N, C-alpha and C. Protein backbone atom coordinates (compact mmCIF):
# COMPACT_ATOMS: atom_id res chain seq x y z
N MET A 1 85.76 96.28 76.29
CA MET A 1 86.30 96.82 77.54
C MET A 1 85.68 98.19 77.82
N ARG A 2 85.25 98.38 79.07
CA ARG A 2 84.76 99.69 79.44
C ARG A 2 85.93 100.66 79.53
N ALA A 3 85.70 101.89 79.07
CA ALA A 3 86.78 102.87 79.07
C ALA A 3 86.19 104.28 79.09
N ILE A 4 87.01 105.22 79.51
CA ILE A 4 86.65 106.63 79.50
C ILE A 4 87.55 107.33 78.51
N LEU A 5 86.97 107.95 77.49
CA LEU A 5 87.74 108.69 76.49
C LEU A 5 87.54 110.18 76.72
N ASN A 6 88.63 110.88 76.93
CA ASN A 6 88.59 112.32 77.13
C ASN A 6 89.41 112.97 76.02
N CYS A 7 88.73 113.65 75.11
CA CYS A 7 89.40 114.28 73.98
C CYS A 7 89.88 115.67 74.34
N ALA A 8 91.04 116.05 73.80
CA ALA A 8 91.56 117.39 74.05
C ALA A 8 90.62 118.45 73.49
N THR A 9 89.99 118.15 72.38
CA THR A 9 89.01 119.04 71.76
C THR A 9 87.71 118.28 71.61
N ASP A 10 86.64 118.82 72.16
CA ASP A 10 85.36 118.14 72.12
C ASP A 10 84.95 117.80 70.69
N GLY A 11 84.60 116.53 70.49
CA GLY A 11 84.08 116.10 69.20
C GLY A 11 85.13 115.88 68.13
N VAL A 12 86.42 116.04 68.49
CA VAL A 12 87.49 115.89 67.50
C VAL A 12 88.56 114.96 68.08
N PHE A 13 89.00 113.96 67.32
CA PHE A 13 90.07 113.08 67.76
C PHE A 13 91.42 113.73 67.49
N SER A 14 92.30 113.74 68.48
CA SER A 14 93.65 114.26 68.31
C SER A 14 94.52 113.21 67.65
N PRO A 15 95.62 113.63 66.99
CA PRO A 15 96.50 112.65 66.37
C PRO A 15 97.29 111.81 67.36
N THR A 16 97.35 112.24 68.63
CA THR A 16 98.08 111.50 69.66
C THR A 16 97.12 111.08 70.76
N ARG A 17 97.23 109.82 71.18
CA ARG A 17 96.38 109.30 72.24
C ARG A 17 97.25 108.56 73.26
N VAL A 18 96.95 108.77 74.54
CA VAL A 18 97.58 108.01 75.60
C VAL A 18 96.52 107.10 76.21
N LEU A 19 96.75 105.81 76.13
CA LEU A 19 95.83 104.80 76.64
C LEU A 19 96.43 104.21 77.92
N LEU A 20 95.75 104.42 79.04
CA LEU A 20 96.29 104.00 80.33
C LEU A 20 95.41 102.93 80.96
N LEU A 21 96.08 101.96 81.59
CA LEU A 21 95.43 100.85 82.28
C LEU A 21 95.65 101.00 83.78
N PRO A 22 94.63 100.75 84.59
CA PRO A 22 94.74 101.02 86.03
C PRO A 22 95.39 99.89 86.82
N ALA A 23 95.64 100.18 88.07
CA ALA A 23 96.14 99.16 89.00
C ALA A 23 95.03 98.18 89.33
N ALA A 24 95.39 97.05 89.88
CA ALA A 24 94.40 96.06 90.31
C ALA A 24 93.45 96.68 91.33
N TYR A 25 92.19 96.31 91.23
CA TYR A 25 91.15 96.76 92.16
C TYR A 25 90.92 98.27 92.12
N THR A 26 91.33 98.91 91.01
CA THR A 26 90.98 100.30 90.78
C THR A 26 90.25 100.37 89.45
N SER A 27 89.78 101.55 89.09
CA SER A 27 88.97 101.69 87.88
C SER A 27 89.48 102.80 86.98
N ALA A 28 88.92 102.88 85.79
CA ALA A 28 89.25 103.96 84.87
C ALA A 28 88.92 105.31 85.50
N ALA A 29 87.83 105.36 86.24
CA ALA A 29 87.41 106.63 86.85
C ALA A 29 88.42 107.12 87.88
N ASP A 30 89.22 106.21 88.44
CA ASP A 30 90.22 106.63 89.43
C ASP A 30 91.29 107.52 88.81
N PHE A 31 91.59 107.34 87.52
CA PHE A 31 92.52 108.25 86.86
C PHE A 31 91.97 109.67 86.87
N VAL A 32 90.68 109.80 86.59
CA VAL A 32 90.04 111.11 86.57
C VAL A 32 90.02 111.70 87.97
N ARG A 33 89.61 110.90 88.96
CA ARG A 33 89.55 111.39 90.33
C ARG A 33 90.93 111.79 90.85
N ALA A 34 91.97 111.08 90.42
CA ALA A 34 93.33 111.38 90.88
C ALA A 34 93.91 112.64 90.25
N GLY A 35 93.28 113.15 89.19
CA GLY A 35 93.75 114.39 88.57
C GLY A 35 94.51 114.23 87.28
N PHE A 36 94.52 113.04 86.67
CA PHE A 36 95.27 112.83 85.44
C PHE A 36 94.73 113.69 84.29
N THR A 37 93.43 113.76 84.16
CA THR A 37 92.84 114.59 83.10
C THR A 37 93.12 116.06 83.35
N THR A 38 92.92 116.50 84.58
CA THR A 38 93.15 117.90 84.92
C THR A 38 94.59 118.30 84.64
N ALA A 39 95.54 117.42 84.97
CA ALA A 39 96.95 117.73 84.74
C ALA A 39 97.25 117.92 83.26
N ALA A 40 96.69 117.05 82.41
CA ALA A 40 96.92 117.16 80.97
C ALA A 40 96.28 118.42 80.41
N ARG A 41 95.07 118.73 80.86
CA ARG A 41 94.38 119.90 80.33
C ARG A 41 95.00 121.19 80.84
N ALA A 42 95.58 121.18 82.05
CA ALA A 42 96.25 122.37 82.58
C ALA A 42 97.45 122.75 81.73
N ARG A 43 98.06 121.75 81.10
CA ARG A 43 99.20 122.02 80.21
C ARG A 43 98.75 122.29 78.78
N ASN A 44 97.44 122.22 78.55
CA ASN A 44 96.92 122.36 77.20
C ASN A 44 97.53 121.31 76.27
N ALA A 45 97.78 120.14 76.84
CA ALA A 45 98.42 119.07 76.06
C ALA A 45 97.45 118.57 74.98
N PRO A 46 97.90 118.53 73.74
CA PRO A 46 97.02 118.10 72.64
C PRO A 46 96.91 116.58 72.57
N LEU A 47 96.41 116.00 73.64
CA LEU A 47 96.34 114.55 73.75
C LEU A 47 94.91 114.12 74.03
N ASP A 48 94.51 113.03 73.42
CA ASP A 48 93.30 112.34 73.85
C ASP A 48 93.71 111.32 74.90
N LEU A 49 92.98 111.27 75.99
CA LEU A 49 93.28 110.35 77.08
C LEU A 49 92.22 109.27 77.11
N HIS A 50 92.67 108.02 77.14
CA HIS A 50 91.76 106.88 77.14
C HIS A 50 92.10 106.03 78.35
N PHE A 51 91.20 106.01 79.33
CA PHE A 51 91.41 105.25 80.57
C PHE A 51 90.54 104.00 80.51
N ALA A 52 91.18 102.84 80.57
CA ALA A 52 90.46 101.57 80.39
C ALA A 52 90.23 100.87 81.72
N GLU A 53 89.23 100.00 81.72
CA GLU A 53 88.95 99.14 82.86
C GLU A 53 89.69 97.81 82.70
N LEU A 54 90.05 97.21 83.83
CA LEU A 54 90.62 95.87 83.83
C LEU A 54 89.68 94.95 84.60
N LYS A 55 89.25 93.90 83.98
CA LYS A 55 88.42 92.91 84.64
C LYS A 55 89.28 91.68 84.97
N LEU A 56 89.22 91.24 86.21
CA LEU A 56 90.04 90.09 86.59
C LEU A 56 89.72 88.86 85.77
N GLN A 57 88.46 88.72 85.34
CA GLN A 57 88.11 87.56 84.53
C GLN A 57 88.85 87.57 83.20
N HIS A 58 89.17 88.76 82.69
CA HIS A 58 89.90 88.85 81.43
C HIS A 58 91.38 88.54 81.61
N LEU A 59 91.85 88.65 82.86
CA LEU A 59 93.22 88.25 83.16
C LEU A 59 93.30 86.73 83.31
N THR A 60 92.34 86.18 84.01
CA THR A 60 92.39 84.75 84.26
C THR A 60 92.11 83.94 82.99
N ASP A 61 91.25 84.45 82.10
CA ASP A 61 90.99 83.69 80.87
C ASP A 61 91.93 84.10 79.73
N ARG A 62 92.90 84.99 80.07
CA ARG A 62 93.96 85.40 79.14
C ARG A 62 93.41 86.08 77.87
N SER A 63 92.29 86.77 78.02
CA SER A 63 91.72 87.48 76.87
C SER A 63 92.05 88.97 76.89
N ILE A 64 92.78 89.42 77.91
CA ILE A 64 92.97 90.85 78.10
C ILE A 64 93.71 91.50 76.93
N LEU A 65 94.77 90.87 76.41
CA LEU A 65 95.52 91.49 75.33
C LEU A 65 94.71 91.51 74.04
N ARG A 66 93.98 90.46 73.78
CA ARG A 66 93.12 90.43 72.60
C ARG A 66 92.05 91.52 72.68
N ARG A 67 91.44 91.65 73.84
CA ARG A 67 90.41 92.68 74.01
C ARG A 67 91.01 94.08 73.88
N LEU A 68 92.13 94.29 74.50
CA LEU A 68 92.80 95.58 74.41
C LEU A 68 93.12 95.94 72.97
N ARG A 69 93.58 94.96 72.23
CA ARG A 69 93.97 95.20 70.83
C ARG A 69 92.75 95.51 69.96
N HIS A 70 91.74 94.66 70.04
CA HIS A 70 90.62 94.76 69.12
C HIS A 70 89.57 95.79 69.54
N GLU A 71 89.52 96.12 70.82
CA GLU A 71 88.49 97.03 71.29
C GLU A 71 89.00 98.46 71.52
N LEU A 72 90.33 98.62 71.69
CA LEU A 72 90.84 99.96 72.00
C LEU A 72 91.97 100.42 71.07
N VAL A 73 92.99 99.59 70.88
CA VAL A 73 94.16 100.03 70.10
C VAL A 73 93.84 100.14 68.61
N LEU A 74 93.37 99.05 68.02
CA LEU A 74 93.08 99.09 66.58
C LEU A 74 91.99 100.09 66.23
N PRO A 75 90.92 100.22 67.01
CA PRO A 75 89.93 101.27 66.72
C PRO A 75 90.52 102.68 66.79
N ALA A 76 91.47 102.90 67.67
CA ALA A 76 92.11 104.22 67.73
C ALA A 76 92.86 104.51 66.45
N ARG A 77 93.56 103.52 65.92
CA ARG A 77 94.24 103.70 64.64
C ARG A 77 93.23 103.98 63.53
N ALA A 78 92.15 103.22 63.54
CA ALA A 78 91.12 103.40 62.52
C ALA A 78 90.49 104.78 62.58
N ALA A 79 90.47 105.37 63.78
CA ALA A 79 89.89 106.70 63.96
C ALA A 79 90.84 107.82 63.57
N GLY A 80 92.08 107.45 63.22
CA GLY A 80 93.03 108.44 62.74
C GLY A 80 94.16 108.79 63.68
N CYS A 81 94.29 108.09 64.80
CA CYS A 81 95.40 108.36 65.71
C CYS A 81 96.72 107.94 65.07
N ARG A 82 97.65 108.88 64.95
CA ARG A 82 98.94 108.57 64.34
C ARG A 82 99.96 108.10 65.38
N SER A 83 99.74 108.48 66.63
CA SER A 83 100.67 108.11 67.69
C SER A 83 99.87 107.62 68.89
N ILE A 84 100.16 106.40 69.34
CA ILE A 84 99.48 105.83 70.49
C ILE A 84 100.51 105.44 71.54
N TRP A 85 100.42 106.07 72.70
CA TRP A 85 101.21 105.68 73.85
C TRP A 85 100.35 104.77 74.71
N LEU A 86 100.89 103.63 75.07
CA LEU A 86 100.18 102.68 75.94
C LEU A 86 100.91 102.64 77.27
N GLY A 87 100.15 102.59 78.35
CA GLY A 87 100.81 102.52 79.64
C GLY A 87 99.84 102.20 80.75
N GLY A 88 100.29 102.43 81.96
CA GLY A 88 99.45 102.15 83.09
C GLY A 88 100.22 102.21 84.38
N VAL A 89 99.51 102.00 85.46
CA VAL A 89 100.11 101.99 86.79
C VAL A 89 100.02 100.59 87.37
N SER A 90 101.06 100.17 88.05
CA SER A 90 101.10 98.88 88.74
C SER A 90 100.76 97.73 87.78
N LEU A 91 99.69 96.98 88.04
CA LEU A 91 99.33 95.87 87.16
C LEU A 91 99.05 96.36 85.74
N GLY A 92 98.50 97.56 85.62
CA GLY A 92 98.26 98.12 84.29
C GLY A 92 99.54 98.30 83.50
N GLY A 93 100.62 98.66 84.19
CA GLY A 93 101.91 98.77 83.51
C GLY A 93 102.42 97.42 83.04
N PHE A 94 102.23 96.40 83.86
CA PHE A 94 102.61 95.04 83.47
C PHE A 94 101.91 94.63 82.18
N ILE A 95 100.60 94.87 82.10
CA ILE A 95 99.84 94.50 80.92
C ILE A 95 100.29 95.30 79.71
N ALA A 96 100.63 96.57 79.92
CA ALA A 96 101.11 97.39 78.81
C ALA A 96 102.41 96.81 78.22
N ILE A 97 103.32 96.36 79.08
CA ILE A 97 104.56 95.75 78.58
C ILE A 97 104.25 94.44 77.86
N ALA A 98 103.33 93.64 78.43
CA ALA A 98 102.95 92.38 77.80
C ALA A 98 102.37 92.62 76.41
N TYR A 99 101.61 93.70 76.27
CA TYR A 99 101.05 94.04 74.95
C TYR A 99 102.19 94.42 73.99
N ALA A 100 103.10 95.26 74.47
CA ALA A 100 104.21 95.69 73.62
C ALA A 100 105.08 94.51 73.21
N GLU A 101 105.22 93.53 74.09
CA GLU A 101 106.04 92.35 73.78
C GLU A 101 105.45 91.58 72.60
N ARG A 102 104.14 91.61 72.46
CA ARG A 102 103.48 90.86 71.39
C ARG A 102 103.15 91.72 70.18
N TYR A 103 102.85 92.99 70.39
CA TYR A 103 102.36 93.85 69.30
C TYR A 103 103.12 95.19 69.28
N SER A 104 104.43 95.11 69.31
CA SER A 104 105.22 96.34 69.42
C SER A 104 105.03 97.28 68.25
N GLN A 105 104.66 96.76 67.08
CA GLN A 105 104.50 97.62 65.91
C GLN A 105 103.20 98.42 65.95
N GLU A 106 102.34 98.12 66.91
CA GLU A 106 101.03 98.77 66.95
C GLU A 106 100.97 99.95 67.91
N ILE A 107 102.03 100.19 68.67
CA ILE A 107 102.06 101.33 69.58
C ILE A 107 103.35 102.11 69.36
N ASP A 108 103.36 103.34 69.87
CA ASP A 108 104.49 104.23 69.59
C ASP A 108 105.30 104.59 70.83
N GLY A 109 104.84 104.18 72.00
CA GLY A 109 105.58 104.46 73.22
C GLY A 109 104.92 103.80 74.40
N LEU A 110 105.69 103.62 75.48
CA LEU A 110 105.18 103.04 76.72
C LEU A 110 105.36 104.04 77.85
N CYS A 111 104.30 104.26 78.61
CA CYS A 111 104.32 105.11 79.79
C CYS A 111 104.04 104.23 80.99
N LEU A 112 105.07 103.86 81.74
CA LEU A 112 104.97 102.89 82.82
C LEU A 112 105.20 103.58 84.15
N LEU A 113 104.15 103.67 84.95
CA LEU A 113 104.23 104.33 86.24
C LEU A 113 104.12 103.27 87.34
N ALA A 114 105.23 103.05 88.03
CA ALA A 114 105.30 102.05 89.10
C ALA A 114 104.77 100.70 88.65
N PRO A 115 105.23 100.18 87.52
CA PRO A 115 104.66 98.93 87.01
C PRO A 115 104.99 97.72 87.88
N TYR A 116 104.04 96.82 88.00
CA TYR A 116 104.32 95.50 88.57
C TYR A 116 105.17 94.75 87.55
N LEU A 117 106.28 94.15 87.99
CA LEU A 117 107.22 93.54 87.05
C LEU A 117 107.47 92.05 87.32
N GLY A 118 106.58 91.42 88.04
CA GLY A 118 106.74 90.00 88.26
C GLY A 118 107.00 89.64 89.70
N ASN A 119 106.90 88.35 89.98
CA ASN A 119 107.08 87.89 91.36
C ASN A 119 108.55 87.81 91.74
N HIS A 120 108.78 87.57 93.02
CA HIS A 120 110.16 87.61 93.53
C HIS A 120 111.03 86.51 92.95
N ILE A 121 110.42 85.41 92.48
CA ILE A 121 111.20 84.33 91.90
C ILE A 121 111.89 84.80 90.62
N VAL A 122 111.13 85.47 89.76
CA VAL A 122 111.69 85.97 88.50
C VAL A 122 112.68 87.10 88.77
N ILE A 123 112.32 88.03 89.66
CA ILE A 123 113.21 89.14 89.97
C ILE A 123 114.53 88.62 90.53
N SER A 124 114.46 87.66 91.44
CA SER A 124 115.68 87.09 92.03
C SER A 124 116.52 86.38 90.98
N GLU A 125 115.86 85.72 90.05
CA GLU A 125 116.57 85.03 88.97
C GLU A 125 117.41 86.02 88.16
N ILE A 126 116.83 87.17 87.87
CA ILE A 126 117.55 88.19 87.09
C ILE A 126 118.67 88.80 87.92
N GLU A 127 118.41 89.04 89.19
CA GLU A 127 119.44 89.59 90.07
C GLU A 127 120.62 88.63 90.19
N ARG A 128 120.34 87.33 90.32
CA ARG A 128 121.42 86.35 90.43
C ARG A 128 122.26 86.26 89.15
N ALA A 129 121.65 86.64 88.04
CA ALA A 129 122.37 86.64 86.76
C ALA A 129 123.21 87.90 86.59
N ASN A 130 123.27 88.72 87.64
CA ASN A 130 124.03 89.97 87.60
C ASN A 130 123.33 91.03 86.77
N GLY A 131 122.01 90.97 86.73
CA GLY A 131 121.24 92.03 86.08
C GLY A 131 120.68 91.65 84.72
N VAL A 132 119.92 92.58 84.17
CA VAL A 132 119.20 92.32 82.93
C VAL A 132 120.13 92.01 81.77
N SER A 133 121.24 92.74 81.67
CA SER A 133 122.12 92.57 80.51
C SER A 133 122.72 91.18 80.45
N ASP A 134 123.00 90.55 81.60
CA ASP A 134 123.60 89.22 81.62
C ASP A 134 122.59 88.09 81.74
N TRP A 135 121.35 88.43 82.00
CA TRP A 135 120.31 87.41 82.14
C TRP A 135 119.99 86.78 80.79
N ARG A 136 119.88 85.46 80.75
CA ARG A 136 119.57 84.74 79.53
C ARG A 136 118.23 84.03 79.70
N PRO A 137 117.17 84.54 79.11
CA PRO A 137 115.84 83.95 79.33
C PRO A 137 115.65 82.59 78.70
N GLY A 138 116.39 82.28 77.65
CA GLY A 138 116.21 81.01 76.97
C GLY A 138 114.88 80.96 76.22
N THR A 139 114.44 79.77 75.91
CA THR A 139 113.16 79.58 75.23
C THR A 139 112.03 79.66 76.25
N LEU A 140 111.05 80.52 75.97
CA LEU A 140 109.98 80.75 76.93
C LEU A 140 108.65 80.24 76.41
N ALA A 141 107.86 79.71 77.33
CA ALA A 141 106.51 79.28 76.98
C ALA A 141 105.63 80.50 76.70
N ASP A 142 104.58 80.29 75.93
CA ASP A 142 103.71 81.39 75.57
C ASP A 142 103.05 82.01 76.79
N ASP A 143 102.81 81.23 77.84
CA ASP A 143 102.13 81.75 79.01
C ASP A 143 103.09 82.18 80.12
N ASP A 144 104.39 82.24 79.82
CA ASP A 144 105.37 82.69 80.80
C ASP A 144 105.48 84.22 80.72
N ASP A 145 104.39 84.88 81.09
CA ASP A 145 104.28 86.33 80.87
C ASP A 145 105.34 87.13 81.59
N GLU A 146 105.70 86.73 82.80
CA GLU A 146 106.64 87.53 83.58
C GLU A 146 108.04 87.51 82.96
N ARG A 147 108.51 86.36 82.51
CA ARG A 147 109.81 86.33 81.86
C ARG A 147 109.75 86.94 80.46
N ARG A 148 108.60 86.84 79.82
CA ARG A 148 108.45 87.45 78.50
C ARG A 148 108.56 88.97 78.57
N ILE A 149 107.99 89.58 79.62
CA ILE A 149 108.11 91.04 79.69
C ILE A 149 109.55 91.45 79.98
N TRP A 150 110.27 90.63 80.76
CA TRP A 150 111.67 90.97 81.02
C TRP A 150 112.54 90.74 79.78
N ARG A 151 112.19 89.77 78.98
CA ARG A 151 112.91 89.61 77.71
C ARG A 151 112.69 90.82 76.83
N PHE A 152 111.45 91.33 76.83
CA PHE A 152 111.18 92.55 76.06
C PHE A 152 112.00 93.71 76.60
N ILE A 153 112.04 93.88 77.92
CA ILE A 153 112.82 94.95 78.52
C ILE A 153 114.29 94.83 78.13
N LYS A 154 114.81 93.62 78.17
CA LYS A 154 116.21 93.37 77.83
C LYS A 154 116.50 93.71 76.37
N GLU A 155 115.60 93.32 75.47
CA GLU A 155 115.86 93.46 74.04
C GLU A 155 115.43 94.81 73.47
N HIS A 156 114.46 95.48 74.11
CA HIS A 156 113.89 96.69 73.52
C HIS A 156 114.04 97.93 74.39
N GLY A 157 114.71 97.79 75.54
CA GLY A 157 114.84 98.93 76.44
C GLY A 157 115.51 100.14 75.82
N THR A 158 116.43 99.89 74.91
CA THR A 158 117.12 101.00 74.23
C THR A 158 116.77 101.02 72.75
N GLY A 159 115.62 100.47 72.40
CA GLY A 159 115.19 100.42 71.01
C GLY A 159 114.58 101.72 70.54
N ALA A 160 114.00 101.67 69.35
CA ALA A 160 113.44 102.87 68.74
C ALA A 160 112.19 103.36 69.45
N MET A 161 111.39 102.44 70.00
CA MET A 161 110.18 102.85 70.68
C MET A 161 110.52 103.38 72.07
N PRO A 162 110.14 104.61 72.40
CA PRO A 162 110.46 105.15 73.73
C PRO A 162 109.72 104.41 74.84
N VAL A 163 110.45 104.13 75.90
CA VAL A 163 109.89 103.50 77.10
C VAL A 163 110.16 104.43 78.27
N HIS A 164 109.10 104.95 78.86
CA HIS A 164 109.22 105.88 79.98
C HIS A 164 108.87 105.14 81.26
N LEU A 165 109.81 105.11 82.21
CA LEU A 165 109.60 104.45 83.50
C LEU A 165 109.64 105.48 84.61
N GLY A 166 108.57 105.54 85.40
CA GLY A 166 108.53 106.42 86.55
C GLY A 166 108.12 105.63 87.79
N PHE A 167 108.74 105.94 88.92
CA PHE A 167 108.37 105.25 90.17
C PHE A 167 108.78 106.08 91.37
N GLY A 168 108.13 105.78 92.50
CA GLY A 168 108.46 106.44 93.74
C GLY A 168 109.62 105.75 94.44
N ALA A 169 110.49 106.53 95.05
CA ALA A 169 111.69 105.97 95.69
C ALA A 169 111.33 105.01 96.81
N ALA A 170 110.16 105.20 97.44
CA ALA A 170 109.74 104.32 98.53
C ALA A 170 108.69 103.31 98.09
N ASP A 171 108.52 103.14 96.80
CA ASP A 171 107.55 102.16 96.29
C ASP A 171 107.96 100.75 96.73
N ARG A 172 106.97 99.92 97.07
CA ARG A 172 107.30 98.57 97.51
C ARG A 172 107.88 97.72 96.39
N PHE A 173 107.72 98.16 95.13
CA PHE A 173 108.32 97.46 94.00
C PHE A 173 109.56 98.17 93.47
N ALA A 174 110.09 99.12 94.23
CA ALA A 174 111.19 99.94 93.73
C ALA A 174 112.42 99.13 93.36
N GLY A 175 112.65 98.00 94.04
CA GLY A 175 113.80 97.17 93.69
C GLY A 175 113.73 96.66 92.27
N SER A 176 112.54 96.19 91.86
CA SER A 176 112.39 95.72 90.48
C SER A 176 112.41 96.88 89.49
N HIS A 177 111.91 98.04 89.91
CA HIS A 177 111.96 99.21 89.03
C HIS A 177 113.41 99.62 88.75
N ARG A 178 114.22 99.61 89.80
CA ARG A 178 115.64 99.98 89.60
C ARG A 178 116.34 98.94 88.72
N LEU A 179 115.95 97.69 88.85
CA LEU A 179 116.51 96.65 87.99
C LEU A 179 116.15 96.94 86.53
N MET A 180 114.90 97.30 86.28
CA MET A 180 114.48 97.65 84.92
C MET A 180 115.21 98.90 84.43
N ALA A 181 115.42 99.86 85.32
CA ALA A 181 116.05 101.12 84.93
C ALA A 181 117.43 100.91 84.34
N THR A 182 118.14 99.85 84.75
CA THR A 182 119.48 99.60 84.22
C THR A 182 119.44 99.24 82.73
N ALA A 183 118.27 98.84 82.23
CA ALA A 183 118.15 98.48 80.82
C ALA A 183 117.66 99.64 79.96
N LEU A 184 117.43 100.80 80.57
CA LEU A 184 116.89 101.95 79.86
C LEU A 184 117.90 103.09 79.83
N PRO A 185 117.79 103.99 78.87
CA PRO A 185 118.60 105.20 78.91
C PRO A 185 118.26 106.00 80.16
N PRO A 186 119.24 106.64 80.80
CA PRO A 186 118.97 107.38 82.04
C PRO A 186 117.86 108.42 81.88
N GLU A 187 117.77 109.03 80.72
CA GLU A 187 116.76 110.07 80.51
C GLU A 187 115.34 109.51 80.43
N SER A 188 115.22 108.19 80.35
CA SER A 188 113.91 107.55 80.28
C SER A 188 113.38 107.13 81.65
N VAL A 189 114.14 107.43 82.70
CA VAL A 189 113.77 107.00 84.06
C VAL A 189 113.52 108.22 84.94
N ASP A 190 112.41 108.19 85.64
CA ASP A 190 112.01 109.29 86.53
C ASP A 190 111.72 108.72 87.92
N VAL A 191 112.45 109.18 88.91
CA VAL A 191 112.25 108.73 90.29
C VAL A 191 111.87 109.94 91.14
N VAL A 192 110.78 109.82 91.88
CA VAL A 192 110.31 110.91 92.73
C VAL A 192 110.09 110.36 94.14
N PRO A 193 109.97 111.24 95.13
CA PRO A 193 109.63 110.75 96.48
C PRO A 193 108.23 110.14 96.46
N GLY A 194 108.01 109.18 97.37
CA GLY A 194 106.67 108.63 97.50
C GLY A 194 106.62 107.13 97.33
N GLY A 195 105.46 106.57 97.63
CA GLY A 195 105.25 105.14 97.57
C GLY A 195 104.33 104.71 96.46
N HIS A 196 103.71 103.55 96.64
CA HIS A 196 102.86 102.94 95.63
C HIS A 196 101.43 103.44 95.84
N GLU A 197 101.17 104.67 95.38
CA GLU A 197 99.90 105.33 95.67
C GLU A 197 99.62 106.42 94.64
N TRP A 198 98.35 106.82 94.57
CA TRP A 198 97.91 107.76 93.54
C TRP A 198 98.62 109.11 93.57
N PRO A 199 98.86 109.74 94.74
CA PRO A 199 99.58 111.03 94.69
C PRO A 199 100.94 110.93 94.02
N THR A 200 101.66 109.83 94.26
CA THR A 200 102.95 109.64 93.61
C THR A 200 102.77 109.43 92.12
N TRP A 201 101.78 108.63 91.73
CA TRP A 201 101.54 108.38 90.31
C TRP A 201 101.14 109.66 89.57
N LEU A 202 100.38 110.53 90.24
CA LEU A 202 100.02 111.80 89.62
C LEU A 202 101.27 112.66 89.40
N HIS A 203 102.16 112.69 90.40
CA HIS A 203 103.42 113.42 90.26
C HIS A 203 104.21 112.90 89.06
N LEU A 204 104.29 111.59 88.93
CA LEU A 204 105.01 110.97 87.81
C LEU A 204 104.34 111.28 86.48
N TRP A 205 103.01 111.29 86.47
CA TRP A 205 102.26 111.61 85.25
C TRP A 205 102.55 113.04 84.79
N LYS A 206 102.57 113.97 85.73
CA LYS A 206 102.88 115.36 85.38
C LYS A 206 104.28 115.46 84.80
N ASN A 207 105.22 114.73 85.38
CA ASN A 207 106.59 114.74 84.85
C ASN A 207 106.65 114.13 83.46
N PHE A 208 105.89 113.05 83.25
CA PHE A 208 105.83 112.43 81.93
C PHE A 208 105.31 113.42 80.89
N LEU A 209 104.25 114.13 81.20
CA LEU A 209 103.70 115.11 80.26
C LEU A 209 104.72 116.19 79.94
N ALA A 210 105.40 116.69 80.97
CA ALA A 210 106.37 117.76 80.76
C ALA A 210 107.56 117.30 79.92
N LYS A 211 107.96 116.04 80.11
CA LYS A 211 109.14 115.54 79.40
C LYS A 211 108.83 115.11 77.98
N ARG A 212 107.72 114.40 77.80
CA ARG A 212 107.43 113.81 76.50
C ARG A 212 106.65 114.72 75.57
N PHE A 213 106.01 115.74 76.12
CA PHE A 213 105.25 116.68 75.29
C PHE A 213 105.61 118.11 75.68
N PRO A 214 106.91 118.46 75.55
CA PRO A 214 107.39 119.75 76.04
C PRO A 214 106.87 120.95 75.28
N SER A 215 106.31 120.75 74.09
CA SER A 215 105.82 121.88 73.31
C SER A 215 104.47 122.39 73.81
N SER A 216 103.83 121.62 74.73
CA SER A 216 102.56 122.06 75.28
C SER A 216 102.78 123.34 76.07
N GLU A 217 101.84 124.25 75.95
CA GLU A 217 101.92 125.51 76.68
C GLU A 217 100.91 125.50 77.82
N ALA A 218 101.36 125.82 79.01
CA ALA A 218 100.48 125.79 80.17
C ALA A 218 99.40 126.85 80.04
N VAL A 219 98.21 126.52 80.50
CA VAL A 219 97.11 127.48 80.51
C VAL A 219 97.29 128.41 81.68
N THR A 220 97.15 129.70 81.45
CA THR A 220 97.30 130.69 82.54
C THR A 220 95.94 131.13 83.02
């Protein structure tokens, strides 16, 4: 997988890495252009940032999770990363949850910014069940990715691994985000003004950095 690695210190790997996956039809470079790297460096955050590419062919042939694991996550561990946060925006957030559903022991946290959470059929099914807590997924097929991510949300939303959910109040997927928020601790949910767009995601990213890495000191 093509990716952009930005280390907090040139030539040295930090013990913490945030690996982010982009929205559909966007690229790893869009994180940089949107200001994600600048925001982290302005806080002097001791994080390595890894922005990955998503190829639609890897989604259709269902190789994306295998590639993500063997080309980015496991090599980061081998390089000495003690803490790996996986996340993304929109479709990238969906893939991050799908990865956590299968390989939860390999990551240390999820950073989900306006994640795509499935089609209206699945969302309506959960709503008709009176929400995530009362929804019963039953036995799921291996390729039923949308229900599998909701089963993960239901079972692990309040688990040991932190799950950070951020979204814009006017996001077109805000209904599904609010549904997911009911399965998380209130302090794990961040809602800001804005829609499904990069300026809103940057705002959410800055809030994530401030909340999850509060010991960082801003550069003056």
